[in-house]
């Protein structure tokens, strides 16, 4: 079972006029995104063991998480954050500006020591 990814996103943009005229504007932006992508696998082996051994906890062995899709191992959780700053000057018919930013990306993935047997 592969549900669609769960995505949480946040963006905030602010601008401040530092001087006028000519208009000098400072812009700041922040964004953050968290993406959760997983699959659930059901195998009846754990249920059979639970019935045969009269141990209901063995039924939990029937469920597993999976993060490989079409042979590609994707991260379970992806976190991205960005900070952007800009400065612009406008006078009459002329606009000039500069902007730059930093983006951080963190990926969290399952560790499988024996991927060929999973």
PDB file of N, CA and C in Angstrom:
ATOM      1  N   UNK A   1       0.853  -1.180   0.000  1.00  0.00           N
ATOM      2  CA  UNK A   1       0.000   0.000   0.000  1.00  0.00           C
ATOM      3  C   UNK A   1       0.889   1.230   0.000  1.00  0.00           C
ATOM      4  N   UNK A   2       0.735   2.081  -0.994  1.00  0.00           N
ATOM      5  CA  UNK A   2       1.571   3.281  -1.127  1.00  0.00           C
ATOM      6  C   UNK A   2       0.679   4.525  -1.182  1.00  0.00           C
ATOM      7  N   UNK A   3       0.444   5.154  -0.017  1.00  0.00           N
ATOM      8  CA  UNK A   3      -0.373   6.374  -0.015  1.00  0.00           C
ATOM      9  C   UNK A   3       0.407   7.541  -0.628  1.00  0.00           C
ATOM     10  N   UNK A   4      -0.286   8.589  -1.033  1.00  0.00           N
ATOM     11  CA  UNK A   4       0.435   9.757  -1.553  1.00  0.00           C
ATOM     12  C   UNK A   4       1.291  10.391  -0.454  1.00  0.00           C
ATOM     13  N   UNK A   5       2.367  11.070  -0.826  1.00  0.00           N
ATOM     14  CA  UNK A   5       3.228  11.698   0.180  1.00  0.00           C
ATOM     15  C   UNK A   5       2.467  12.731   1.012  1.00  0.00           C
ATOM     16  N   UNK A   6       2.863  12.839   2.270  1.00  0.00           N
ATOM     17  CA  UNK A   6       2.313  13.851   3.170  1.00  0.00           C
ATOM     18  C   UNK A   6       3.292  15.020   3.165  1.00  0.00           C
ATOM     19  N   UNK A   7       2.798  16.210   2.837  1.00  0.00           N
ATOM     20  CA  UNK A   7       3.677  17.378   2.715  1.00  0.00           C
ATOM     21  C   UNK A   7       3.158  18.503   3.602  1.00  0.00           C
ATOM     22  N   UNK A   8       4.047  19.021   4.447  1.00  0.00           N
ATOM     23  CA  UNK A   8       3.767  20.199   5.266  1.00  0.00           C
ATOM     24  C   UNK A   8       4.669  21.317   4.738  1.00  0.00           C
ATOM     25  N   UNK A   9       4.082  22.479   4.472  1.00  0.00           N
ATOM     26  CA  UNK A   9       4.859  23.558   3.895  1.00  0.00           C
ATOM     27  C   UNK A   9       4.515  24.885   4.571  1.00  0.00           C
ATOM     28  N   UNK A  10       5.530  25.744   4.672  1.00  0.00           N
ATOM     29  CA  UNK A  10       5.364  27.056   5.296  1.00  0.00           C
ATOM     30  C   UNK A  10       6.217  28.058   4.534  1.00  0.00           C
ATOM     31  N   UNK A  11       5.657  29.217   4.243  1.00  0.00           N
ATOM     32  CA  UNK A  11       6.400  30.301   3.605  1.00  0.00           C
ATOM     33  C   UNK A  11       6.042  31.631   4.257  1.00  0.00           C
ATOM     34  N   UNK A  12       7.035  32.476   4.398  1.00  0.00           N
ATOM     35  CA  UNK A  12       6.813  33.818   4.948  1.00  0.00           C
ATOM     36  C   UNK A  12       7.723  34.790   4.200  1.00  0.00           C
ATOM     37  N   UNK A  13       7.126  35.843   3.651  1.00  0.00           N
ATOM     38  CA  UNK A  13       7.892  36.880   2.949  1.00  0.00           C
ATOM     39  C   UNK A  13       7.563  38.228   3.597  1.00  0.00           C
ATOM     40  N   UNK A  14       8.604  39.000   3.840  1.00  0.00           N
ATOM     41  CA  UNK A  14       8.442  40.317   4.451  1.00  0.00           C
ATOM     42  C   UNK A  14       9.260  41.324   3.661  1.00  0.00           C
ATOM     43  N   UNK A  15       8.770  42.533   3.584  1.00  0.00           N
ATOM     44  CA  UNK A  15       9.549  43.583   2.931  1.00  0.00           C
ATOM     45  C   UNK A  15       9.463  44.864   3.766  1.00  0.00           C
ATOM     46  N   UNK A  16      10.560  45.567   3.786  1.00  0.00           N
ATOM     47  CA  UNK A  16      10.667  46.794   4.581  1.00  0.00           C
ATOM     48  C   UNK A  16      11.256  47.886   3.701  1.00  0.00           C
ATOM     49  N   UNK A  17      10.676  49.070   3.758  1.00  0.00           N
ATOM     50  CA  UNK A  17      11.229  50.216   3.045  1.00  0.00           C
ATOM     51  C   UNK A  17      12.233  50.882   3.980  1.00  0.00           C
ATOM     52  N   UNK A  18      13.475  50.933   3.524  1.00  0.00           N
ATOM     53  CA  UNK A  18      14.547  51.483   4.345  1.00  0.00           C
ATOM     54  C   UNK A  18      14.743  52.983   4.116  1.00  0.00           C
ATOM     55  N   UNK A  19      14.454  53.422   2.906  1.00  0.00           N
ATOM     56  CA  UNK A  19      14.714  54.835   2.575  1.00  0.00           C
ATOM     57  C   UNK A  19      13.816  55.231   1.398  1.00  0.00           C
ATOM     58  N   UNK A  20      13.370  56.479   1.379  1.00  0.00           N
ATOM     59  CA  UNK A  20      12.582  56.964   0.238  1.00  0.00           C
ATOM     60  C   UNK A  20      12.783  58.468   0.114  1.00  0.00           C
ATOM     61  N   UNK A  21      12.734  59.087  -1.025  1.00  0.00           N
ATOM     62  CA  UNK A  21      13.094  58.581  -2.338  1.00  0.00           C
ATOM     63  C   UNK A  21      14.600  58.610  -2.518  1.00  0.00           C
ATOM     64  N   UNK A  22      15.198  57.924  -3.386  1.00  0.00           N
ATOM     65  CA  UNK A  22      14.675  56.782  -4.109  1.00  0.00           C
ATOM     66  C   UNK A  22      14.327  55.663  -3.133  1.00  0.00           C
ATOM     67  N   UNK A  23      13.411  54.830  -3.520  1.00  0.00           N
ATOM     68  CA  UNK A  23      12.920  53.790  -2.620  1.00  0.00           C
ATOM     69  C   UNK A  23      13.948  52.661  -2.537  1.00  0.00           C
ATOM     70  N   UNK A  24      14.419  52.428  -1.320  1.00  0.00           N
ATOM     71  CA  UNK A  24      15.325  51.310  -1.055  1.00  0.00           C
ATOM     72  C   UNK A  24      14.543  50.318  -0.206  1.00  0.00           C
ATOM     73  N   UNK A  25      14.393  49.106  -0.730  1.00  0.00           N
ATOM     74  CA  UNK A  25      13.557  48.108  -0.064  1.00  0.00           C
ATOM     75  C   UNK A  25      14.372  46.866   0.282  1.00  0.00           C
ATOM     76  N   UNK A  26      14.176  46.378   1.496  1.00  0.00           N
ATOM     77  CA  UNK A  26      14.816  45.147   1.971  1.00  0.00           C
ATOM     78  C   UNK A  26      13.750  44.060   2.030  1.00  0.00           C
ATOM     79  N   UNK A  27      14.037  42.926   1.435  1.00  0.00           N
ATOM     80  CA  UNK A  27      13.098  41.805   1.464  1.00  0.00           C
ATOM     81  C   UNK A  27      13.719  40.606   2.152  1.00  0.00           C
ATOM     82  N   UNK A  28      12.938  39.954   2.985  1.00  0.00           N
ATOM     83  CA  UNK A  28      13.382  38.735   3.668  1.00  0.00           C
ATOM     84  C   UNK A  28      12.342  37.646   3.441  1.00  0.00           C
ATOM     85  N   UNK A  29      12.804  36.442   3.180  1.00  0.00           N
ATOM     86  CA  UNK A  29      11.879  35.334   2.970  1.00  0.00           C
ATOM     87  C   UNK A  29      12.366  34.080   3.666  1.00  0.00           C
ATOM     88  N   UNK A  30      11.433  33.332   4.183  1.00  0.00           N
ATOM     89  CA  UNK A  30      11.725  32.061   4.864  1.00  0.00           C
ATOM     90  C   UNK A  30      10.758  31.014   4.334  1.00  0.00           C
ATOM     91  N   UNK A  31      11.233  29.805   4.143  1.00  0.00           N
ATOM     92  CA  UNK A  31      10.338  28.721   3.762  1.00  0.00           C
ATOM     93  C   UNK A  31      10.849  27.419   4.366  1.00  0.00           C
ATOM     94  N   UNK A  32       9.917  26.525   4.648  1.00  0.00           N
ATOM     95  CA  UNK A  32      10.255  25.205   5.188  1.00  0.00           C
ATOM     96  C   UNK A  32       9.247  24.202   4.639  1.00  0.00           C
ATOM     97  N   UNK A  33       9.748  23.030   4.268  1.00  0.00           N
ATOM     98  CA  UNK A  33       8.903  21.968   3.745  1.00  0.00           C
ATOM     99  C   UNK A  33       9.356  20.637   4.334  1.00  0.00           C
ATOM    100  N   UNK A  34       8.392  19.853   4.790  1.00  0.00           N
ATOM    101  CA  UNK A  34       8.658  18.498   5.278  1.00  0.00           C
ATOM    102  C   UNK A  34       7.812  17.547   4.446  1.00  0.00           C
ATOM    103  N   UNK A  35       8.448  16.520   3.887  1.00  0.00           N
ATOM    104  CA  UNK A  35       7.746  15.545   3.053  1.00  0.00           C
ATOM    105  C   UNK A  35       7.950  14.157   3.645  1.00  0.00           C
ATOM    106  N   UNK A  36       6.865  13.435   3.855  1.00  0.00           N
ATOM    107  CA  UNK A  36       6.888  12.072   4.393  1.00  0.00           C
ATOM    108  C   UNK A  36       6.342  11.146   3.315  1.00  0.00           C
ATOM    109  N   UNK A  37       7.165  10.173   2.902  1.00  0.00           N
ATOM    110  CA  UNK A  37       6.752   9.228   1.865  1.00  0.00           C
ATOM    111  C   UNK A  37       7.101   7.814   2.318  1.00  0.00           C
ATOM    112  N   UNK A  38       6.110   6.935   2.337  1.00  0.00           N
ATOM    113  CA  UNK A  38       6.326   5.570   2.812  1.00  0.00           C
ATOM    114  C   UNK A  38       5.332   4.626   2.150  1.00  0.00           C
ATOM    115  N   UNK A  39       5.574   3.361   2.334  1.00  0.00           N
ATOM    116  CA  UNK A  39       4.642   2.310   1.905  1.00  0.00           C
ATOM    117  C   UNK A  39       4.513   1.304   3.035  1.00  0.00           C
ATOM    118  N   UNK A  40       3.373   0.664   3.111  1.00  0.00           N
ATOM    119  CA  UNK A  40       3.145  -0.400   4.075  1.00  0.00           C
ATOM    120  C   UNK A  40       3.032  -1.719   3.331  1.00  0.00           C
ATOM    121  N   UNK A  41       3.622  -2.763   3.902  1.00  0.00           N
ATOM    122  CA  UNK A  41       3.592  -4.092   3.306  1.00  0.00           C
ATOM    123  C   UNK A  41       2.926  -5.032   4.293  1.00  0.00           C
ATOM    124  N   UNK A  42       2.040  -5.875   3.789  1.00  0.00           N
ATOM    125  CA  UNK A  42       1.359  -6.872   4.626  1.00  0.00           C
ATOM    126  C   UNK A  42       1.740  -8.256   4.133  1.00  0.00           C
ATOM    127  N   UNK A  43       2.214  -9.083   5.063  1.00  0.00           N
ATOM    128  CA  UNK A  43       2.579 -10.466   4.764  1.00  0.00           C
ATOM    129  C   UNK A  43       1.818 -11.351   5.742  1.00  0.00           C
ATOM    130  N   UNK A  44       1.239 -12.411   5.272  1.00  0.00           N
ATOM    131  CA  UNK A  44       0.417 -13.253   6.143  1.00  0.00           C
ATOM    132  C   UNK A  44       1.236 -14.198   7.022  1.00  0.00           C
ATOM    133  N   UNK A  45       2.546 -14.265   6.844  1.00  0.00           N
ATOM    134  CA  UNK A  45       3.380 -15.177   7.635  1.00  0.00           C
ATOM    135  C   UNK A  45       3.256 -14.900   9.133  1.00  0.00           C
ATOM    136  N   UNK A  46       3.295 -13.639   9.537  1.00  0.00           N
ATOM    137  CA  UNK A  46       3.195 -13.290  10.952  1.00  0.00           C
ATOM    138  C   UNK A  46       1.842 -13.659  11.536  1.00  0.00           C
ATOM    139  N   UNK A  47       0.785 -13.507  10.755  1.00  0.00           N
ATOM    140  CA  UNK A  47      -0.546 -13.887  11.240  1.00  0.00           C
ATOM    141  C   UNK A  47      -0.631 -15.395  11.427  1.00  0.00           C
ATOM    142  N   UNK A  48      -0.079 -16.142  10.472  1.00  0.00           N
ATOM    143  CA  UNK A  48      -0.073 -17.613  10.615  1.00  0.00           C
ATOM    144  C   UNK A  48       0.714 -18.031  11.854  1.00  0.00           C
ATOM    145  N   UNK A  49       1.880 -17.417  12.082  1.00  0.00           N
ATOM    146  CA  UNK A  49       2.678 -17.740  13.273  1.00  0.00           C
ATOM    147  C   UNK A  49       1.917 -17.393  14.550  1.00  0.00           C
ATOM    148  N   UNK A  50       1.203 -16.276  14.554  1.00  0.00           N
ATOM    149  CA  UNK A  50       0.438 -15.874  15.745  1.00  0.00           C
ATOM    150  C   UNK A  50      -0.641 -16.894  16.068  1.00  0.00           C
ATOM    151  N   UNK A  51      -1.309 -17.420  15.056  1.00  0.00           N
ATOM    152  CA  UNK A  51      -2.361 -18.417  15.277  1.00  0.00           C
ATOM    153  C   UNK A  51      -1.758 -19.742  15.714  1.00  0.00           C
ATOM    154  N   UNK A  52      -0.692 -20.188  15.043  1.00  0.00           N
ATOM    155  CA  UNK A  52      -0.067 -21.481  15.350  1.00  0.00           C
ATOM    156  C   UNK A  52       0.551 -21.506  16.746  1.00  0.00           C
ATOM    157  N   UNK A  53       1.174 -20.386  17.145  1.00  0.00           N
ATOM    158  CA  UNK A  53       1.870 -20.342  18.442  1.00  0.00           C
ATOM    159  C   UNK A  53       1.037 -19.705  19.542  1.00  0.00           C
ATOM    160  N   UNK A  54      -0.194 -19.316  19.239  1.00  0.00           N
ATOM    161  CA  UNK A  54      -1.085 -18.649  20.207  1.00  0.00           C
ATOM    162  C   UNK A  54      -0.418 -17.430  20.843  1.00  0.00           C
ATOM    163  N   UNK A  55       0.294 -16.681  20.034  1.00  0.00           N
ATOM    164  CA  UNK A  55       0.997 -15.482  20.491  1.00  0.00           C
ATOM    165  C   UNK A  55       0.558 -14.309  19.607  1.00  0.00           C
ATOM    166  N   UNK A  56      -0.393 -13.498  20.070  1.00  0.00           N
ATOM    167  CA  UNK A  56      -0.917 -12.422  19.230  1.00  0.00           C
ATOM    168  C   UNK A  56       0.131 -11.392  18.804  1.00  0.00           C
ATOM    169  N   UNK A  57       1.194 -11.236  19.578  1.00  0.00           N
ATOM    170  CA  UNK A  57       2.228 -10.262  19.206  1.00  0.00           C
ATOM    171  C   UNK A  57       2.962 -10.654  17.928  1.00  0.00           C
ATOM    172  N   UNK A  58       2.968 -11.926  17.590  1.00  0.00           N
ATOM    173  CA  UNK A  58       3.616 -12.381  16.352  1.00  0.00           C
ATOM    174  C   UNK A  58       2.921 -11.806  15.116  1.00  0.00           C
ATOM    175  N   UNK A  59       1.656 -11.407  15.262  1.00  0.00           N
ATOM    176  CA  UNK A  59       0.925 -10.828  14.128  1.00  0.00           C
ATOM    177  C   UNK A  59       1.565  -9.523  13.666  1.00  0.00           C
ATOM    178  N   UNK A  60       2.294  -8.840  14.550  1.00  0.00           N
ATOM    179  CA  UNK A  60       2.980  -7.601  14.165  1.00  0.00           C
ATOM    180  C   UNK A  60       4.081  -7.855  13.144  1.00  0.00           C
ATOM    181  N   UNK A  61       4.567  -9.106  13.057  1.00  0.00           N
ATOM    182  CA  UNK A  61       5.588  -9.449  12.069  1.00  0.00           C
ATOM    183  C   UNK A  61       5.032  -9.437  10.654  1.00  0.00           C
ATOM    184  N   UNK A  62       3.729  -9.297  10.506  1.00  0.00           N
ATOM    185  CA  UNK A  62       3.108  -9.260   9.175  1.00  0.00           C
ATOM    186  C   UNK A  62       3.212  -7.890   8.527  1.00  0.00           C
ATOM    187  N   UNK A  63       3.503  -6.870   9.296  1.00  0.00           N
ATOM    188  CA  UNK A  63       3.529  -5.507   8.774  1.00  0.00           C
ATOM    189  C   UNK A  63       4.967  -5.018   8.663  1.00  0.00           C
ATOM    190  N   UNK A  64       5.224  -4.264   7.607  1.00  0.00           N
ATOM    191  CA  UNK A  64       6.562  -3.703   7.409  1.00  0.00           C
ATOM    192  C   UNK A  64       6.424  -2.373   6.663  1.00  0.00           C
ATOM    193  N   UNK A  65       7.416  -1.513   6.845  1.00  0.00           N
ATOM    194  CA  UNK A  65       7.501  -0.270   6.094  1.00  0.00           C
ATOM    195  C   UNK A  65       8.437  -0.493   4.911  1.00  0.00           C
ATOM    196  N   UNK A  66       8.191   0.261   3.852  1.00  0.00           N
ATOM    197  CA  UNK A  66       9.030   0.136   2.670  1.00  0.00           C
ATOM    198  C   UNK A  66       9.282   1.531   2.101  1.00  0.00           C
ATOM    199  N   UNK A  67      10.500   1.741   1.617  1.00  0.00           N
ATOM    200  CA  UNK A  67      10.821   3.042   1.021  1.00  0.00           C
ATOM    201  C   UNK A  67      11.507   2.897  -0.331  1.00  0.00           C
ATOM    202  N   UNK A  68      11.338   1.751  -0.965  1.00  0.00           N
ATOM    203  CA  UNK A  68      11.898   1.520  -2.291  1.00  0.00           C
ATOM    204  C   UNK A  68      10.759   1.474  -3.292  1.00  0.00           C
ATOM    205  N   UNK A  69      10.830   2.322  -4.305  1.00  0.00           N
ATOM    206  CA  UNK A  69       9.786   2.402  -5.314  1.00  0.00           C
ATOM    207  C   UNK A  69      10.423   2.233  -6.681  1.00  0.00           C
ATOM    208  N   UNK A  70       9.975   1.248  -7.425  1.00  0.00           N
ATOM    209  CA  UNK A  70      10.514   0.945  -8.757  1.00  0.00           C
ATOM    210  C   UNK A  70      12.027   0.764  -8.718  1.00  0.00           C
ATOM    211  N   UNK A  71      12.514   0.116  -7.657  1.00  0.00           N
ATOM    212  CA  UNK A  71      13.939  -0.161  -7.521  1.00  0.00           C
ATOM    213  C   UNK A  71      14.778   1.010  -7.043  1.00  0.00           C
ATOM    214  N   UNK A  72      14.151   2.127  -6.718  1.00  0.00           N
ATOM    215  CA  UNK A  72      14.883   3.313  -6.266  1.00  0.00           C
ATOM    216  C   UNK A  72      14.596   3.528  -4.785  1.00  0.00           C
ATOM    217  N   UNK A  73      15.657   3.614  -3.986  1.00  0.00           N
ATOM    218  CA  UNK A  73      15.518   3.846  -2.548  1.00  0.00           C
ATOM    219  C   UNK A  73      15.360   5.345  -2.316  1.00  0.00           C
ATOM    220  N   UNK A  74      14.165   5.750  -1.873  1.00  0.00           N
ATOM    221  CA  UNK A  74      13.886   7.163  -1.614  1.00  0.00           C
ATOM    222  C   UNK A  74      13.919   7.430  -0.117  1.00  0.00           C
ATOM    223  N   UNK A  75      14.226   8.665   0.274  1.00  0.00           N
ATOM    224  CA  UNK A  75      14.227   8.990   1.709  1.00  0.00           C
ATOM    225  C   UNK A  75      12.820   8.953   2.284  1.00  0.00           C
ATOM    226  N   UNK A  76      12.725   8.534   3.539  1.00  0.00           N
ATOM    227  CA  UNK A  76      11.442   8.478   4.229  1.00  0.00           C
ATOM    228  C   UNK A  76      10.944   9.892   4.524  1.00  0.00           C
ATOM    229  N   UNK A  77      11.828  10.731   5.057  1.00  0.00           N
ATOM    230  CA  UNK A  77      11.482  12.111   5.402  1.00  0.00           C
ATOM    231  C   UNK A  77      12.488  13.042   4.733  1.00  0.00           C
ATOM    232  N   UNK A  78      11.976  14.072   4.074  1.00  0.00           N
ATOM    233  CA  UNK A  78      12.827  15.099   3.479  1.00  0.00           C
ATOM    234  C   UNK A  78      12.446  16.440   4.097  1.00  0.00           C
ATOM    235  N   UNK A  79      13.437  17.148   4.630  1.00  0.00           N
ATOM    236  CA  UNK A  79      13.215  18.467   5.228  1.00  0.00           C
ATOM    237  C   UNK A  79      14.033  19.479   4.447  1.00  0.00           C
ATOM    238  N   UNK A  80      13.383  20.520   3.967  1.00  0.00           N
ATOM    239  CA  UNK A  80      14.074  21.593   3.258  1.00  0.00           C
ATOM    240  C   UNK A  80      13.693  22.930   3.869  1.00  0.00           C
ATOM    241  N   UNK A  81      14.687  23.775   4.059  1.00  0.00           N
ATOM    242  CA  UNK A  81      14.459  25.119   4.594  1.00  0.00           C
ATOM    243  C   UNK A  81      15.291  26.110   3.780  1.00  0.00           C
ATOM    244  N   UNK A  82      14.743  27.290   3.571  1.00  0.00           N
ATOM    245  CA  UNK A  82      15.447  28.307   2.796  1.00  0.00           C
ATOM    246  C   UNK A  82      15.295  29.665   3.465  1.00  0.00           C
ATOM    247  N   UNK A  83      16.358  30.456   3.368  1.00  0.00           N
ATOM    248  CA  UNK A  83      16.365  31.842   3.833  1.00  0.00           C
ATOM    249  C   UNK A  83      16.824  32.682   2.645  1.00  0.00           C
ATOM    250  N   UNK A  84      16.032  33.704   2.312  1.00  0.00           N
ATOM    251  CA  UNK A  84      16.328  34.531   1.150  1.00  0.00           C
ATOM    252  C   UNK A  84      16.310  35.999   1.577  1.00  0.00           C
ATOM    253  N   UNK A  85      17.276  36.757   1.093  1.00  0.00           N
ATOM    254  CA  UNK A  85      17.333  38.196   1.371  1.00  0.00           C
ATOM    255  C   UNK A  85      17.493  38.935   0.047  1.00  0.00           C
ATOM    256  N   UNK A  86      16.873  40.110  -0.041  1.00  0.00           N
ATOM    257  CA  UNK A  86      17.002  40.914  -1.263  1.00  0.00           C
ATOM    258  C   UNK A  86      17.004  42.394  -0.910  1.00  0.00           C
ATOM    259  N   UNK A  87      17.660  43.156  -1.755  1.00  0.00           N
ATOM    260  CA  UNK A  87      17.689  44.615  -1.624  1.00  0.00           C
ATOM    261  C   UNK A  87      17.421  45.178  -3.011  1.00  0.00           C
ATOM    262  N   UNK A  88      16.495  46.126  -3.091  1.00  0.00           N
ATOM    263  CA  UNK A  88      16.202  46.731  -4.392  1.00  0.00           C
ATOM    264  C   UNK A  88      16.092  48.246  -4.244  1.00  0.00           C
ATOM    265  N   UNK A  89      16.414  48.926  -5.335  1.00  0.00           N
ATOM    266  CA  UNK A  89      16.344  50.383  -5.392  1.00  0.00           C
ATOM    267  C   UNK A  89      15.490  50.747  -6.599  1.00  0.00           C
ATOM    268  N   UNK A  90      14.502  51.611  -6.408  1.00  0.00           N
ATOM    269  CA  UNK A  90      13.697  52.068  -7.534  1.00  0.00           C
ATOM    270  C   UNK A  90      13.622  53.587  -7.522  1.00  0.00           C
ATOM    271  N   UNK A  91      13.877  54.138  -8.689  1.00  0.00           N
ATOM    272  CA  UNK A  91      13.802  55.592  -8.853  1.00  0.00           C
ATOM    273  C   UNK A  91      13.190  55.871 -10.212  1.00  0.00           C
ATOM    274  N   UNK A  92      12.071  56.516 -10.214  1.00  0.00           N
ATOM    275  CA  UNK A  92      11.346  56.875 -11.443  1.00  0.00           C
ATOM    276  C   UNK A  92      11.090  55.641 -12.309  1.00  0.00           C
ATOM    277  N   UNK A  93      11.839  55.496 -13.409  1.00  0.00           N
ATOM    278  CA  UNK A  93      11.623  54.381 -14.340  1.00  0.00           C
ATOM    279  C   UNK A  93      12.670  53.281 -14.218  1.00  0.00           C
ATOM    280  N   UNK A  94      13.551  53.374 -13.243  1.00  0.00           N
ATOM    281  CA  UNK A  94      14.664  52.431 -13.134  1.00  0.00           C
ATOM    282  C   UNK A  94      14.526  51.617 -11.843  1.00  0.00           C
ATOM    283  N   UNK A  95      14.646  50.316 -11.984  1.00  0.00           N
ATOM    284  CA  UNK A  95      14.668  49.402 -10.819  1.00  0.00           C
ATOM    285  C   UNK A  95      15.946  48.592 -10.879  1.00  0.00           C
ATOM    286  N   UNK A  96      16.598  48.443  -9.742  1.00  0.00           N
ATOM    287  CA  UNK A  96      17.788  47.595  -9.648  1.00  0.00           C
ATOM    288  C   UNK A  96      17.724  46.850  -8.332  1.00  0.00           C
ATOM    289  N   UNK A  97      18.187  45.616  -8.343  1.00  0.00           N
ATOM    290  CA  UNK A  97      18.130  44.842  -7.105  1.00  0.00           C
ATOM    291  C   UNK A  97      19.069  43.666  -7.119  1.00  0.00           C
ATOM    292  N   UNK A  98      19.270  43.165  -5.953  1.00  0.00           N
ATOM    293  CA  UNK A  98      20.136  42.000  -5.767  1.00  0.00           C
ATOM    294  C   UNK A  98      19.470  41.091  -4.751  1.00  0.00           C
ATOM    295  N   UNK A  99      19.579  39.772  -4.949  1.00  0.00           N
ATOM    296  CA  UNK A  99      19.006  38.839  -3.973  1.00  0.00           C
ATOM    297  C   UNK A  99      19.887  37.598  -3.886  1.00  0.00           C
ATOM    298  N   UNK A 100      19.771  36.932  -2.780  1.00  0.00           N
ATOM    299  CA  UNK A 100      20.537  35.707  -2.567  1.00  0.00           C
ATOM    300  C   UNK A 100      19.907  34.919  -1.434  1.00  0.00           C
ATOM    301  N   UNK A 101      20.287  33.672  -1.349  1.00  0.00           N
ATOM    302  CA  UNK A 101      19.699  32.851  -0.299  1.00  0.00           C
ATOM    303  C   UNK A 101      20.494  31.588  -0.053  1.00  0.00           C
ATOM    304  N   UNK A 102      20.083  30.909   0.988  1.00  0.00           N
ATOM    305  CA  UNK A 102      20.697  29.647   1.383  1.00  0.00           C
ATOM    306  C   UNK A 102      19.581  28.625   1.555  1.00  0.00           C
ATOM    307  N   UNK A 103      19.784  27.427   1.002  1.00  0.00           N
ATOM    308  CA  UNK A 103      18.809  26.350   1.149  1.00  0.00           C
ATOM    309  C   UNK A 103      19.472  25.183   1.863  1.00  0.00           C
ATOM    310  N   UNK A 104      18.787  24.654   2.862  1.00  0.00           N
ATOM    311  CA  UNK A 104      19.260  23.493   3.611  1.00  0.00           C
ATOM    312  C   UNK A 104      18.361  22.311   3.274  1.00  0.00           C
ATOM    313  N   UNK A 105      18.947  21.136   3.123  1.00  0.00           N
ATOM    314  CA  UNK A 105      18.166  19.945   2.831  1.00  0.00           C
ATOM    315  C   UNK A 105      18.673  18.795   3.692  1.00  0.00           C
ATOM    316  N   UNK A 106      17.739  18.130   4.372  1.00  0.00           N
ATOM    317  CA  UNK A 106      18.085  16.984   5.223  1.00  0.00           C
ATOM    318  C   UNK A 106      17.183  15.827   4.825  1.00  0.00           C
ATOM    319  N   UNK A 107      17.775  14.653   4.620  1.00  0.00           N
ATOM    320  CA  UNK A 107      17.010  13.457   4.275  1.00  0.00           C
ATOM    321  C   UNK A 107      17.199  12.397   5.341  1.00  0.00           C
ATOM    322  N   UNK A 108      16.094  11.777   5.739  1.00  0.00           N
ATOM    323  CA  UNK A 108      16.124  10.690   6.724  1.00  0.00           C
ATOM    324  C   UNK A 108      15.625   9.441   6.020  1.00  0.00           C
ATOM    325  N   UNK A 109      16.392   8.366   6.136  1.00  0.00           N
ATOM    326  CA  UNK A 109      16.074   7.143   5.410  1.00  0.00           C
ATOM    327  C   UNK A 109      16.198   5.937   6.347  1.00  0.00           C
ATOM    328  N   UNK A 110      15.486   4.867   6.012  1.00  0.00           N
ATOM    329  CA  UNK A 110      15.620   3.620   6.772  1.00  0.00           C
ATOM    330  C   UNK A 110      16.987   3.017   6.508  1.00  0.00           C
ATOM    331  N   UNK A 111      17.548   2.355   7.501  1.00  0.00           N
ATOM    332  CA  UNK A 111      18.785   1.609   7.319  1.00  0.00           C
ATOM    333  C   UNK A 111      18.425   0.137   7.218  1.00  0.00           C
ATOM    334  N   UNK A 112      18.813  -0.487   6.131  1.00  0.00           N
ATOM    335  CA  UNK A 112      18.540  -1.906   5.928  1.00  0.00           C
ATOM    336  C   UNK A 112      19.885  -2.592   5.658  1.00  0.00           C
ATOM    337  N   UNK A 113      20.394  -3.355   6.639  1.00  0.00           N
ATOM    338  CA  UNK A 113      21.700  -3.975   6.440  1.00  0.00           C
ATOM    339  C   UNK A 113      21.691  -5.083   5.388  1.00  0.00           C
ATOM    340  N   UNK A 114      20.531  -5.646   5.066  1.00  0.00           N
ATOM    341  CA  UNK A 114      20.426  -6.717   4.090  1.00  0.00           C
ATOM    342  C   UNK A 114      19.320  -6.396   3.075  1.00  0.00           C
ATOM    343  N   UNK A 115      19.534  -5.410   2.191  1.00  0.00           N
ATOM    344  CA  UNK A 115      18.450  -4.980   1.301  1.00  0.00           C
ATOM    345  C   UNK A 115      17.997  -6.060   0.310  1.00  0.00           C
ATOM    346  N   UNK A 116      18.875  -6.993  -0.026  1.00  0.00           N
ATOM    347  CA  UNK A 116      18.500  -8.009  -1.007  1.00  0.00           C
ATOM    348  C   UNK A 116      17.533  -9.033  -0.429  1.00  0.00           C
ATOM    349  N   UNK A 117      17.428  -9.136   0.881  1.00  0.00           N
ATOM    350  CA  UNK A 117      16.512 -10.111   1.494  1.00  0.00           C
ATOM    351  C   UNK A 117      15.257  -9.467   2.049  1.00  0.00           C
ATOM    352  N   UNK A 118      15.128  -8.169   1.932  1.00  0.00           N
ATOM    353  CA  UNK A 118      13.970  -7.473   2.506  1.00  0.00           C
ATOM    354  C   UNK A 118      12.816  -7.459   1.536  1.00  0.00           C
TER     355      UNK A 118
END
